[in-house]
Each structure stands twice: as structure tokens, then as C-alpha cells.
Amino acid sequence: MRGLEALEFFLENWHSKIRDYDNFCEFDAMVEYHFGNDTKLYSTNVVVEKFFERKISINNIEDINEFLPEEVEFDSSTGNLYIKRNLFEIKIAPRIC
């Protein structure tokens, strides 16, 4: 599943882990960043705008901080979001504990 539909399904699937505010949703996540052979793990906040472009923002990580829903793919078997661009891939998994 891709795009805005994937983002909506992800948010609905993890609604118990998401803090809901007037203009955005926020959740704690483990973010796995792959660039070539380099892999980095981050524990950070992810923010999703509720209106307009529905931008996805990842806090505290340089170079990979903002994405549009069109770049998102949802994996229903794991419940994770993936963002894939030419040079890198990001996996977003809500923190369960």
C-alpha cells in the first residue's frame, strides 16, 4: 500500500500509540536509516500534519527531516512505514513500550 492511503492506514493501525493534537499527530518511533552500506538507528519523535500536504517530519535527524505522503509505503505484515528515495531508505516503527 502506498501514498496517502498507506499513511492513513498506518495512523489508524497504531492509533493507541499516537498523541493527537489539533493540527498534527505525534508518536515515538524507532527510525532505521539506510544509506548505501551504512545503517543508523534513531529513537525520536515523528510528526504528521493533519491538514494540507500531510507532511511527515522526523525530529532530531539531519538530512532526512521532512517527507510527503506520496513517498510512503505501508507494510501490513509488520505495521511499519517505509520511505524510499534514490539513495536511501527509512523504516519507521512506532515504539511499543
N, C-alpha and C. Protein backbone atom coordinates (compact mmCIF):
# COMPACT_ATOMS: atom_id res chain seq x y z
N MET A 1 0.84 -1.15 0.00
CA MET A 1 0.00 0.00 0.00
C MET A 1 0.90 1.24 0.00
N ARG A 2 0.54 2.23 -0.81
CA ARG A 2 1.40 3.40 -0.97
C ARG A 2 0.62 4.70 -0.81
N GLY A 3 1.36 5.78 -0.59
CA GLY A 3 0.81 7.12 -0.60
C GLY A 3 -0.05 7.46 0.61
N LEU A 4 -0.99 8.37 0.38
CA LEU A 4 -1.84 8.88 1.45
C LEU A 4 -2.67 7.75 2.08
N GLU A 5 -3.12 6.82 1.28
CA GLU A 5 -3.88 5.67 1.79
C GLU A 5 -3.03 4.87 2.79
N ALA A 6 -1.76 4.69 2.47
CA ALA A 6 -0.85 3.96 3.36
C ALA A 6 -0.65 4.72 4.67
N LEU A 7 -0.49 6.03 4.58
CA LEU A 7 -0.31 6.85 5.78
C LEU A 7 -1.55 6.77 6.67
N GLU A 8 -2.73 6.90 6.08
CA GLU A 8 -3.97 6.82 6.85
C GLU A 8 -4.12 5.47 7.53
N PHE A 9 -3.82 4.41 6.81
CA PHE A 9 -3.93 3.06 7.37
C PHE A 9 -2.95 2.88 8.52
N PHE A 10 -1.74 3.38 8.37
CA PHE A 10 -0.73 3.31 9.42
C PHE A 10 -1.22 4.03 10.68
N LEU A 11 -1.72 5.26 10.53
CA LEU A 11 -2.19 6.03 11.67
C LEU A 11 -3.37 5.35 12.36
N GLU A 12 -4.26 4.78 11.58
CA GLU A 12 -5.40 4.07 12.14
C GLU A 12 -4.95 2.80 12.87
N ASN A 13 -3.99 2.11 12.30
CA ASN A 13 -3.49 0.86 12.86
C ASN A 13 -2.79 1.08 14.21
N TRP A 14 -2.11 2.21 14.36
CA TRP A 14 -1.34 2.50 15.57
C TRP A 14 -1.98 3.59 16.43
N HIS A 15 -3.28 3.82 16.31
CA HIS A 15 -3.93 4.94 16.99
C HIS A 15 -3.68 4.98 18.50
N SER A 16 -3.50 3.84 19.15
CA SER A 16 -3.28 3.83 20.60
C SER A 16 -1.90 4.38 20.99
N LYS A 17 -0.96 4.42 20.06
CA LYS A 17 0.39 4.91 20.33
C LYS A 17 0.59 6.36 19.89
N ILE A 18 -0.45 6.95 19.30
CA ILE A 18 -0.32 8.28 18.69
C ILE A 18 -0.97 9.34 19.58
N ARG A 19 -0.23 10.41 19.82
CA ARG A 19 -0.77 11.56 20.54
C ARG A 19 -1.41 12.49 19.51
N ASP A 20 -2.66 12.81 19.73
CA ASP A 20 -3.45 13.56 18.75
C ASP A 20 -3.63 15.00 19.22
N TYR A 21 -3.20 15.96 18.40
CA TYR A 21 -3.36 17.38 18.69
C TYR A 21 -4.23 18.02 17.61
N ASP A 22 -4.50 19.32 17.73
CA ASP A 22 -5.38 20.00 16.77
C ASP A 22 -4.89 19.91 15.34
N ASN A 23 -3.62 20.21 15.10
CA ASN A 23 -3.10 20.30 13.74
C ASN A 23 -2.16 19.17 13.34
N PHE A 24 -1.81 18.31 14.27
CA PHE A 24 -0.86 17.24 13.94
C PHE A 24 -1.02 16.05 14.89
N CYS A 25 -0.45 14.93 14.48
CA CYS A 25 -0.33 13.73 15.31
C CYS A 25 1.15 13.52 15.57
N GLU A 26 1.47 12.94 16.71
CA GLU A 26 2.87 12.71 17.06
C GLU A 26 2.99 11.35 17.72
N PHE A 27 4.09 10.67 17.45
CA PHE A 27 4.35 9.40 18.12
C PHE A 27 5.84 9.17 18.24
N ASP A 28 6.21 8.39 19.25
CA ASP A 28 7.60 8.00 19.46
C ASP A 28 7.89 6.82 18.54
N ALA A 29 9.06 6.83 17.93
CA ALA A 29 9.37 5.78 16.95
C ALA A 29 10.84 5.41 16.96
N MET A 30 11.09 4.23 16.48
CA MET A 30 12.44 3.79 16.14
C MET A 30 12.56 4.00 14.64
N VAL A 31 13.53 4.78 14.23
CA VAL A 31 13.74 5.08 12.82
C VAL A 31 15.04 4.44 12.38
N GLU A 32 14.96 3.62 11.37
CA GLU A 32 16.13 2.93 10.82
C GLU A 32 16.44 3.58 9.47
N TYR A 33 17.64 4.12 9.36
CA TYR A 33 18.06 4.87 8.17
C TYR A 33 19.15 4.10 7.45
N HIS A 34 18.89 3.75 6.19
CA HIS A 34 19.87 3.02 5.36
C HIS A 34 20.35 3.94 4.24
N PHE A 35 21.65 4.14 4.16
CA PHE A 35 22.25 4.91 3.08
C PHE A 35 23.44 4.10 2.58
N GLY A 36 23.27 3.46 1.43
CA GLY A 36 24.32 2.57 0.93
C GLY A 36 24.51 1.42 1.89
N ASN A 37 25.74 1.21 2.36
CA ASN A 37 26.04 0.15 3.32
C ASN A 37 25.93 0.62 4.77
N ASP A 38 25.64 1.90 4.96
CA ASP A 38 25.56 2.48 6.29
C ASP A 38 24.14 2.39 6.84
N THR A 39 23.99 1.91 8.07
CA THR A 39 22.69 1.84 8.73
C THR A 39 22.80 2.51 10.09
N LYS A 40 21.82 3.39 10.37
CA LYS A 40 21.78 4.07 11.66
C LYS A 40 20.40 3.90 12.26
N LEU A 41 20.34 3.76 13.58
CA LEU A 41 19.08 3.66 14.31
C LEU A 41 18.90 4.89 15.18
N TYR A 42 17.69 5.43 15.19
CA TYR A 42 17.37 6.60 15.99
C TYR A 42 16.10 6.34 16.79
N SER A 43 16.06 6.81 18.00
CA SER A 43 14.84 6.84 18.80
C SER A 43 14.41 8.29 18.83
N THR A 44 13.29 8.61 18.20
CA THR A 44 12.91 10.00 18.02
C THR A 44 11.40 10.15 17.92
N ASN A 45 10.94 11.38 17.75
CA ASN A 45 9.53 11.67 17.54
C ASN A 45 9.26 11.84 16.05
N VAL A 46 8.09 11.39 15.64
CA VAL A 46 7.64 11.58 14.27
C VAL A 46 6.33 12.37 14.34
N VAL A 47 6.22 13.40 13.51
CA VAL A 47 5.04 14.26 13.49
C VAL A 47 4.40 14.18 12.11
N VAL A 48 3.06 14.05 12.10
CA VAL A 48 2.31 14.00 10.84
C VAL A 48 1.27 15.12 10.88
N GLU A 49 1.34 16.03 9.90
CA GLU A 49 0.35 17.10 9.81
C GLU A 49 -1.02 16.51 9.50
N LYS A 50 -2.07 17.11 10.05
CA LYS A 50 -3.42 16.61 9.79
C LYS A 50 -4.04 17.23 8.54
N PHE A 51 -3.56 18.38 8.12
CA PHE A 51 -4.20 19.09 7.02
C PHE A 51 -3.21 19.40 5.91
N PHE A 52 -3.73 19.90 4.80
CA PHE A 52 -2.96 20.34 3.64
C PHE A 52 -2.10 19.23 3.07
N GLU A 53 -0.79 19.36 3.11
CA GLU A 53 0.09 18.39 2.45
C GLU A 53 0.30 17.11 3.24
N ARG A 54 -0.08 17.09 4.51
CA ARG A 54 0.10 15.91 5.38
C ARG A 54 1.57 15.52 5.51
N LYS A 55 2.44 16.51 5.63
CA LYS A 55 3.88 16.25 5.74
C LYS A 55 4.21 15.38 6.95
N ILE A 56 5.24 14.56 6.76
CA ILE A 56 5.75 13.70 7.82
C ILE A 56 7.11 14.27 8.22
N SER A 57 7.27 14.62 9.48
CA SER A 57 8.53 15.19 9.96
C SER A 57 9.16 14.26 10.98
N ILE A 58 10.46 14.05 10.82
CA ILE A 58 11.22 13.24 11.76
C ILE A 58 12.15 14.18 12.51
N ASN A 59 11.99 14.25 13.83
CA ASN A 59 12.77 15.18 14.64
C ASN A 59 14.17 14.68 14.92
N ASN A 60 15.10 15.61 15.04
CA ASN A 60 16.47 15.36 15.51
C ASN A 60 17.35 14.55 14.57
N ILE A 61 17.00 14.45 13.31
CA ILE A 61 17.86 13.73 12.36
C ILE A 61 18.14 14.67 11.19
N GLU A 62 19.40 15.03 11.02
CA GLU A 62 19.77 15.92 9.92
C GLU A 62 19.61 15.20 8.59
N ASP A 63 19.33 15.94 7.55
CA ASP A 63 19.25 15.47 6.17
C ASP A 63 18.00 14.68 5.83
N ILE A 64 17.30 14.14 6.79
CA ILE A 64 16.11 13.35 6.48
C ILE A 64 14.96 13.79 7.36
N ASN A 65 14.56 15.04 7.27
CA ASN A 65 13.60 15.51 8.26
C ASN A 65 12.17 15.68 7.79
N GLU A 66 11.88 15.74 6.48
CA GLU A 66 10.51 16.01 6.05
C GLU A 66 10.18 15.27 4.76
N PHE A 67 8.98 14.64 4.74
CA PHE A 67 8.56 13.85 3.59
C PHE A 67 7.08 14.08 3.32
N LEU A 68 6.67 13.81 2.09
CA LEU A 68 5.26 13.88 1.71
C LEU A 68 4.66 12.48 1.72
N PRO A 69 3.35 12.36 1.90
CA PRO A 69 2.71 11.04 1.92
C PRO A 69 2.94 10.22 0.66
N GLU A 70 3.16 10.86 -0.48
CA GLU A 70 3.37 10.15 -1.73
C GLU A 70 4.62 9.27 -1.69
N GLU A 71 5.53 9.57 -0.77
CA GLU A 71 6.78 8.83 -0.66
C GLU A 71 6.68 7.63 0.29
N VAL A 72 5.53 7.43 0.89
CA VAL A 72 5.35 6.45 1.95
C VAL A 72 4.80 5.13 1.43
N GLU A 73 5.29 4.05 2.02
CA GLU A 73 4.77 2.71 1.74
C GLU A 73 4.50 2.03 3.08
N PHE A 74 3.35 1.36 3.20
CA PHE A 74 2.97 0.68 4.44
C PHE A 74 3.09 -0.82 4.24
N ASP A 75 3.76 -1.49 5.18
CA ASP A 75 3.87 -2.95 5.15
C ASP A 75 2.90 -3.51 6.19
N SER A 76 1.81 -4.09 5.72
CA SER A 76 0.77 -4.57 6.64
C SER A 76 1.23 -5.76 7.48
N SER A 77 2.22 -6.50 7.03
CA SER A 77 2.68 -7.66 7.81
C SER A 77 3.49 -7.24 9.04
N THR A 78 4.20 -6.12 8.96
CA THR A 78 5.00 -5.65 10.10
C THR A 78 4.39 -4.43 10.78
N GLY A 79 3.53 -3.69 10.07
CA GLY A 79 2.95 -2.47 10.61
C GLY A 79 3.86 -1.27 10.50
N ASN A 80 4.94 -1.38 9.74
CA ASN A 80 5.92 -0.30 9.61
C ASN A 80 5.67 0.55 8.37
N LEU A 81 6.13 1.79 8.43
CA LEU A 81 6.12 2.69 7.28
C LEU A 81 7.51 2.69 6.68
N TYR A 82 7.59 2.76 5.36
CA TYR A 82 8.87 2.85 4.67
C TYR A 82 8.85 4.06 3.75
N ILE A 83 9.97 4.75 3.71
CA ILE A 83 10.17 5.87 2.79
C ILE A 83 11.40 5.53 1.98
N LYS A 84 11.22 5.45 0.66
CA LYS A 84 12.34 5.06 -0.21
C LYS A 84 12.60 6.17 -1.22
N ARG A 85 13.84 6.59 -1.27
CA ARG A 85 14.29 7.53 -2.29
C ARG A 85 15.46 6.89 -3.00
N ASN A 86 15.99 7.57 -4.00
CA ASN A 86 17.07 7.00 -4.80
C ASN A 86 18.25 6.52 -3.98
N LEU A 87 18.70 7.31 -3.03
CA LEU A 87 19.93 7.00 -2.31
C LEU A 87 19.73 6.38 -0.93
N PHE A 88 18.52 6.45 -0.39
CA PHE A 88 18.35 5.92 0.96
C PHE A 88 16.96 5.34 1.17
N GLU A 89 16.84 4.60 2.28
CA GLU A 89 15.56 4.02 2.70
C GLU A 89 15.42 4.24 4.20
N ILE A 90 14.20 4.56 4.62
CA ILE A 90 13.92 4.80 6.03
C ILE A 90 12.78 3.88 6.45
N LYS A 91 12.94 3.23 7.60
CA LYS A 91 11.87 2.43 8.18
C LYS A 91 11.43 3.11 9.46
N ILE A 92 10.11 3.33 9.60
CA ILE A 92 9.56 3.97 10.79
C ILE A 92 8.68 2.94 11.51
N ALA A 93 9.04 2.63 12.75
CA ALA A 93 8.29 1.68 13.56
C ALA A 93 7.91 2.35 14.87
N PRO A 94 6.62 2.48 15.17
CA PRO A 94 6.22 3.08 16.45
C PRO A 94 6.80 2.30 17.62
N ARG A 95 7.25 3.03 18.62
CA ARG A 95 7.79 2.40 19.82
C ARG A 95 6.63 1.82 20.62
N ILE A 96 6.71 0.56 20.97
CA ILE A 96 5.60 -0.14 21.61
C ILE A 96 5.58 0.09 23.12
N CYS A 97 6.72 0.17 23.76
CA CYS A 97 6.74 0.33 25.22
C CYS A 97 6.72 1.77 25.63
